[in-house]
Amino acid sequence: MQTRTIGGTEYTFVTRQRNGSSVYRASSRYVRIGPARMIHTLLETHRHLEKHGFPVPQIVTEGAEREEAYFIERSLGEKRLLELFENDTQKNGAVSESNFSAFLNVISHFLAAQIRSEKRITHATTFADLVQLNQLQSELPQYSERIDRLFREHVRAVSGFPFVVTHGDLNPANMYPTGVIDFEDVASGPLGYDAACAITIQEWFPSSREYEYFERYVFKPDQISRYFAHCDEILGNAGYKGFTIAYPHFEFFRAIWLAAGMSKWLKLQKYRHDLFIEKYLS
């Protein structure tokens, strides 16, 4: 097991993120370490999120180790919502009410923080980069023009929602009952997109275990209905009506992200390409 000593404490390797930084864990703390410029950017983002009340881990300290920079944050808990949901599903066939309530609570705080944060200039090109539009077009070249046209149509359809700071991959794997982690993809996107991401992901994981990644939890139908009603209420109270109506557009953006960049997992890539084509291009 790979370990690393930082500031006199031994940390165990957890994962290497897409941006090139690495994550290590020791007891109730995590350290994120990597090239100085990247880590300083992550720190700046984290402070911005804290300022606006996003439910993020508390930064304990920051520093430099050899030629790299790092910061240490407090753990949000022992298990992510993903593991809690999976345990529920294995025992009872679906997510428990207690863990679903925790999920709703995190989404509530996250949406409230997005609403409080300053609004950003709508920029379809930046959002296209966030959802990996060009990547999917390169993987499905025969559909490239159509995918691009559909993307721009869907962006126009959600023009009533302001662009805000956006996680980009909000889902139970990045959520604890007390907050949200892993803002490596943070960018600008339409308010409501992250909330859609958090409930969309199930369909894109097949139930069969023959795939590299597969379905690990199931929401009850009434939980999904309550989720939409909850988001409608929060956004409606802030003057942004129609989350449920806009959901198919947000879902399309999320589908691009989920279908793109899967070449390391060929079975799942084919499954997602086929599903995307069936849902949006047939």
Protein backbone atom coordinates (compact mmCIF):
# COMPACT_ATOMS: atom_id res chain seq x y z
CA MET A 1 0.00 0.00 0.00
CA GLN A 2 1.47 3.33 -1.08
CA THR A 3 2.08 5.82 1.72
CA ARG A 4 3.59 9.27 2.05
CA THR A 5 4.69 11.29 5.04
CA ILE A 6 3.63 14.94 5.00
CA GLY A 7 4.12 17.30 7.91
CA GLY A 8 5.22 14.41 10.10
CA THR A 9 2.05 12.38 9.48
CA GLU A 10 1.88 9.24 7.35
CA TYR A 11 -0.89 9.27 4.75
CA THR A 12 -2.18 6.36 2.67
CA PHE A 13 -2.76 6.79 -1.05
CA VAL A 14 -6.43 7.02 -2.08
CA THR A 15 -6.57 8.10 -5.71
CA ARG A 16 -4.98 10.13 -8.48
CA GLN A 17 -7.37 12.68 -9.92
CA ARG A 18 -7.87 13.65 -13.55
CA ASN A 19 -6.10 16.97 -13.01
CA GLY A 20 -2.89 15.18 -11.96
CA SER A 21 -3.10 15.80 -8.21
CA SER A 22 -3.09 12.93 -5.72
CA VAL A 23 -5.24 12.32 -2.66
CA TYR A 24 -3.99 10.61 0.52
CA ARG A 25 -5.77 9.84 3.78
CA ALA A 26 -4.79 9.63 7.45
CA SER A 27 -7.44 9.08 10.11
CA SER A 28 -9.89 11.99 9.83
CA ARG A 29 -7.92 14.06 7.33
CA TYR A 30 -7.17 14.08 3.64
CA VAL A 31 -4.26 15.68 1.84
CA ARG A 32 -4.38 16.85 -1.77
CA ILE A 33 -0.94 17.24 -3.29
CA GLY A 34 0.41 18.06 -6.73
CA PRO A 35 2.00 20.77 -8.89
CA ALA A 36 1.99 24.08 -7.04
CA ARG A 37 -0.03 26.05 -9.60
CA MET A 38 -2.75 23.40 -9.68
CA ILE A 39 -2.98 23.12 -5.90
CA HIS A 40 -3.12 26.89 -5.48
CA THR A 41 -5.97 26.98 -8.01
CA LEU A 42 -7.82 24.30 -6.06
CA LEU A 43 -7.26 26.25 -2.84
CA GLU A 44 -8.58 29.44 -4.40
CA THR A 45 -11.66 27.57 -5.58
CA HIS A 46 -12.15 26.02 -2.14
CA ARG A 47 -11.99 29.40 -0.41
CA HIS A 48 -14.50 30.81 -2.87
CA LEU A 49 -16.85 27.92 -2.10
CA GLU A 50 -16.43 28.42 1.65
CA LYS A 51 -17.15 32.13 1.29
CA HIS A 52 -20.52 31.41 -0.30
CA GLY A 53 -21.48 28.70 2.16
CA PHE A 54 -21.02 25.59 0.05
CA PRO A 55 -20.92 22.41 2.17
CA VAL A 56 -17.22 21.65 1.68
CA PRO A 57 -14.53 20.18 3.99
CA GLN A 58 -12.68 22.53 6.32
CA ILE A 59 -9.09 23.32 5.32
CA VAL A 60 -6.71 22.51 8.18
CA THR A 61 -3.44 23.72 6.72
CA GLU A 62 -1.46 24.13 3.52
CA GLY A 63 2.20 23.91 2.63
CA ALA A 64 4.90 22.62 0.28
CA GLU A 65 6.59 19.23 0.09
CA ARG A 66 9.67 18.98 -2.12
CA GLU A 67 8.56 20.52 -5.45
CA GLU A 68 4.86 20.11 -4.81
CA ALA A 69 2.21 22.03 -2.90
CA TYR A 70 -0.52 20.55 -0.75
CA PHE A 71 -3.43 21.31 1.51
CA ILE A 72 -5.00 19.21 4.22
CA GLU A 73 -8.74 19.07 4.81
CA ARG A 74 -10.91 17.45 7.46
CA SER A 75 -12.79 14.32 6.44
CA LEU A 76 -16.55 14.69 6.05
CA GLY A 77 -17.10 11.18 7.39
CA GLU A 78 -16.25 7.51 7.11
CA LYS A 79 -18.57 6.64 4.23
CA ARG A 80 -19.72 8.52 1.18
CA LEU A 81 -23.38 8.50 0.27
CA LEU A 82 -22.43 6.04 -2.48
CA GLU A 83 -21.38 3.40 0.05
CA LEU A 84 -24.36 4.14 2.29
CA PHE A 85 -26.75 3.86 -0.67
CA GLU A 86 -25.10 0.63 -1.78
CA ASN A 87 -25.43 -0.91 1.69
CA ASP A 88 -29.11 0.11 1.79
CA THR A 89 -29.77 -1.43 -1.63
CA GLN A 90 -28.03 -4.68 -0.76
CA LYS A 91 -30.05 -5.02 2.46
CA ASN A 92 -33.45 -3.65 1.44
CA GLY A 93 -33.46 -3.27 -2.34
CA ALA A 94 -33.35 0.54 -2.36
CA VAL A 95 -31.93 3.61 -0.64
CA SER A 96 -33.19 4.04 2.95
CA GLU A 97 -35.29 7.01 3.97
CA SER A 98 -32.66 8.23 6.44
CA ASN A 99 -29.90 8.30 3.85
CA PHE A 100 -32.23 9.76 1.23
CA SER A 101 -33.03 12.57 3.68
CA ALA A 102 -29.29 13.20 4.14
CA PHE A 103 -28.95 13.34 0.35
CA LEU A 104 -31.76 15.91 0.11
CA ASN A 105 -30.18 17.96 2.88
CA VAL A 106 -26.83 18.19 1.09
CA ILE A 107 -28.56 19.12 -2.17
CA SER A 108 -30.54 21.79 -0.33
CA HIS A 109 -27.39 23.41 1.08
CA PHE A 110 -25.59 23.11 -2.24
CA LEU A 111 -28.39 24.72 -4.25
CA ALA A 112 -28.78 27.48 -1.67
CA ALA A 113 -25.06 28.26 -1.94
CA GLN A 114 -25.25 28.32 -5.74
CA ILE A 115 -28.15 30.75 -5.56
CA ARG A 116 -26.20 33.00 -3.15
CA SER A 117 -23.03 32.94 -5.25
CA GLU A 118 -22.45 35.62 -7.83
CA LYS A 119 -23.97 34.93 -11.23
CA ARG A 120 -21.59 34.36 -14.10
CA ILE A 121 -21.68 35.29 -17.77
CA THR A 122 -23.37 32.62 -19.86
CA HIS A 123 -20.69 31.04 -22.03
CA ALA A 124 -21.77 27.99 -24.01
CA THR A 125 -18.21 27.18 -25.07
CA THR A 126 -16.96 26.96 -21.49
CA PHE A 127 -19.92 24.80 -20.52
CA ALA A 128 -19.28 22.61 -23.58
CA ASP A 129 -15.77 22.00 -22.25
CA LEU A 130 -17.17 21.07 -18.83
CA VAL A 131 -19.50 18.41 -20.25
CA GLN A 132 -16.84 17.13 -22.70
CA LEU A 133 -18.83 17.94 -25.83
CA ASN A 134 -15.83 17.87 -28.18
CA GLN A 135 -14.68 14.56 -26.73
CA LEU A 136 -17.99 12.85 -27.46
CA GLN A 137 -18.09 14.36 -30.95
CA SER A 138 -14.67 12.86 -31.67
CA GLU A 139 -15.85 9.46 -30.40
CA LEU A 140 -19.06 9.55 -32.45
CA PRO A 141 -17.93 11.45 -35.56
CA GLN A 142 -20.89 10.33 -37.65
CA TYR A 143 -23.15 12.21 -35.24
CA SER A 144 -20.85 15.18 -34.55
CA GLU A 145 -22.88 17.92 -36.22
CA ARG A 146 -26.13 16.66 -34.77
CA ILE A 147 -24.71 16.46 -31.24
CA ASP A 148 -23.43 20.03 -31.56
CA ARG A 149 -26.80 21.28 -32.82
CA LEU A 150 -28.66 19.51 -30.02
CA PHE A 151 -26.26 20.91 -27.42
CA ARG A 152 -26.90 24.49 -28.55
CA GLU A 153 -30.66 23.91 -28.62
CA HIS A 154 -30.59 22.59 -25.05
CA VAL A 155 -28.44 25.52 -23.88
CA ARG A 156 -31.01 27.94 -25.28
CA ALA A 157 -33.78 25.98 -23.56
CA VAL A 158 -32.26 26.59 -20.09
CA SER A 159 -31.48 30.26 -20.68
CA GLY A 160 -33.84 31.18 -17.84
CA PHE A 161 -31.38 29.72 -15.34
CA PRO A 162 -28.31 31.84 -14.51
CA PHE A 163 -24.81 30.44 -14.88
CA VAL A 164 -23.25 29.81 -11.48
CA VAL A 165 -20.23 28.04 -10.00
CA THR A 166 -20.79 24.39 -10.92
CA HIS A 167 -19.28 21.18 -9.52
CA GLY A 168 -19.50 19.33 -12.82
CA ASP A 169 -19.72 15.81 -11.38
CA LEU A 170 -22.08 16.07 -8.41
CA ASN A 171 -23.23 12.56 -7.50
CA PRO A 172 -23.29 10.28 -4.43
CA ALA A 173 -19.67 9.23 -5.04
CA ASN A 174 -18.65 12.83 -4.29
CA MET A 175 -21.10 13.40 -1.46
CA TYR A 176 -21.16 12.65 2.27
CA PRO A 177 -24.12 13.15 4.61
CA THR A 178 -22.42 16.41 5.65
CA GLY A 179 -21.10 17.82 2.40
CA VAL A 180 -19.45 17.59 -1.01
CA ILE A 181 -15.89 16.81 -2.15
CA ASP A 182 -13.80 16.73 -5.35
CA PHE A 183 -14.26 20.05 -7.12
CA GLU A 184 -11.57 19.28 -9.70
CA ASP A 185 -14.01 19.90 -12.58
CA VAL A 186 -15.49 23.10 -11.17
CA ALA A 187 -16.57 25.60 -13.83
CA SER A 188 -19.58 27.72 -14.81
CA GLY A 189 -22.85 26.07 -15.69
CA PRO A 190 -26.60 26.68 -15.53
CA LEU A 191 -28.21 26.60 -12.09
CA GLY A 192 -29.95 23.23 -11.82
CA TYR A 193 -27.38 21.25 -13.79
CA ASP A 194 -25.58 19.93 -10.70
CA ALA A 195 -28.88 18.98 -9.08
CA ALA A 196 -29.79 17.06 -12.23
CA CYS A 197 -26.40 15.31 -12.23
CA ALA A 198 -26.96 13.99 -8.72
CA ILE A 199 -30.11 12.10 -9.69
CA THR A 200 -29.27 11.19 -13.32
CA ILE A 201 -26.34 8.84 -12.90
CA GLN A 202 -28.15 5.52 -12.16
CA GLU A 203 -29.36 4.84 -15.69
CA TRP A 204 -25.82 5.03 -17.04
CA PHE A 205 -24.57 2.13 -14.95
CA PRO A 206 -25.82 -1.26 -16.23
CA SER A 207 -27.21 -3.77 -13.73
CA SER A 208 -25.01 -6.60 -15.05
CA ARG A 209 -21.69 -7.14 -13.30
CA GLU A 210 -20.03 -8.11 -16.57
CA TYR A 211 -19.25 -4.41 -17.06
CA GLU A 212 -16.25 -2.63 -15.54
CA TYR A 213 -18.61 -0.45 -13.47
CA PHE A 214 -22.21 -1.32 -12.73
CA GLU A 215 -25.30 -0.20 -10.83
CA ARG A 216 -24.67 -0.04 -7.10
CA TYR A 217 -27.82 1.53 -5.68
CA VAL A 218 -31.47 2.14 -6.50
CA PHE A 219 -33.80 5.00 -5.58
CA LYS A 220 -37.45 4.27 -4.95
CA PRO A 221 -39.81 5.89 -7.51
CA ASP A 222 -41.38 8.10 -4.83
CA GLN A 223 -37.93 9.26 -3.72
CA ILE A 224 -37.18 10.42 -7.26
CA SER A 225 -40.55 12.23 -7.37
CA ARG A 226 -39.83 13.93 -4.05
CA TYR A 227 -36.36 14.91 -5.24
CA PHE A 228 -37.80 16.78 -8.21
CA ALA A 229 -40.45 18.45 -6.06
CA HIS A 230 -37.75 19.49 -3.57
CA CYS A 231 -35.56 21.06 -6.26
CA ASP A 232 -38.59 22.75 -7.82
CA GLU A 233 -39.40 24.30 -4.44
CA ILE A 234 -35.88 25.54 -3.68
CA LEU A 235 -35.31 27.04 -7.12
CA GLY A 236 -38.89 28.32 -7.35
CA ASN A 237 -38.55 30.17 -4.05
CA ALA A 238 -35.49 31.91 -5.51
CA GLY A 239 -37.41 32.93 -8.61
CA TYR A 240 -36.18 30.21 -10.96
CA LYS A 241 -39.17 28.08 -11.83
CA GLY A 242 -39.34 24.86 -13.77
CA PHE A 243 -36.53 22.51 -12.66
CA THR A 244 -38.67 19.48 -13.52
CA ILE A 245 -39.60 20.98 -16.89
CA ALA A 246 -35.95 21.83 -17.62
CA TYR A 247 -34.64 18.47 -16.41
CA PRO A 248 -34.54 16.78 -19.87
CA HIS A 249 -32.19 19.53 -21.03
CA PHE A 250 -29.92 19.15 -17.99
CA GLU A 251 -30.08 15.39 -18.46
CA PHE A 252 -28.81 15.75 -22.04
CA PHE A 253 -25.75 17.68 -20.83
CA ARG A 254 -25.08 15.05 -18.19
CA ALA A 255 -25.48 12.28 -20.77
CA ILE A 256 -22.71 13.83 -22.86
CA TRP A 257 -20.37 13.86 -19.85
CA LEU A 258 -21.21 10.26 -18.94
CA ALA A 259 -20.81 8.93 -22.48
CA ALA A 260 -17.51 10.69 -23.24
CA GLY A 261 -13.98 9.74 -22.27
CA MET A 262 -14.64 6.11 -21.35
CA SER A 263 -11.97 4.47 -23.53
CA LYS A 264 -10.29 2.80 -20.53
CA TRP A 265 -13.48 0.81 -19.93
CA LEU A 266 -14.49 -0.52 -23.34
CA LYS A 267 -17.58 -2.49 -22.31
CA LEU A 268 -19.04 0.44 -20.41
CA GLN A 269 -18.07 2.83 -23.19
CA LYS A 270 -20.06 0.80 -25.72
CA TYR A 271 -23.01 0.56 -23.33
CA ARG A 272 -23.06 4.33 -22.85
CA HIS A 273 -22.49 5.16 -26.50
CA ASP A 274 -25.37 2.87 -27.46
CA LEU A 275 -27.61 4.37 -24.78
CA PHE A 276 -26.78 7.92 -25.86
CA ILE A 277 -27.52 7.12 -29.49
CA GLU A 278 -30.80 5.42 -28.57
CA LYS A 279 -31.97 8.28 -26.32
CA TYR A 280 -30.91 11.26 -28.39
CA LEU A 281 -29.85 10.34 -31.92
CA SER A 282 -32.15 7.58 -33.14
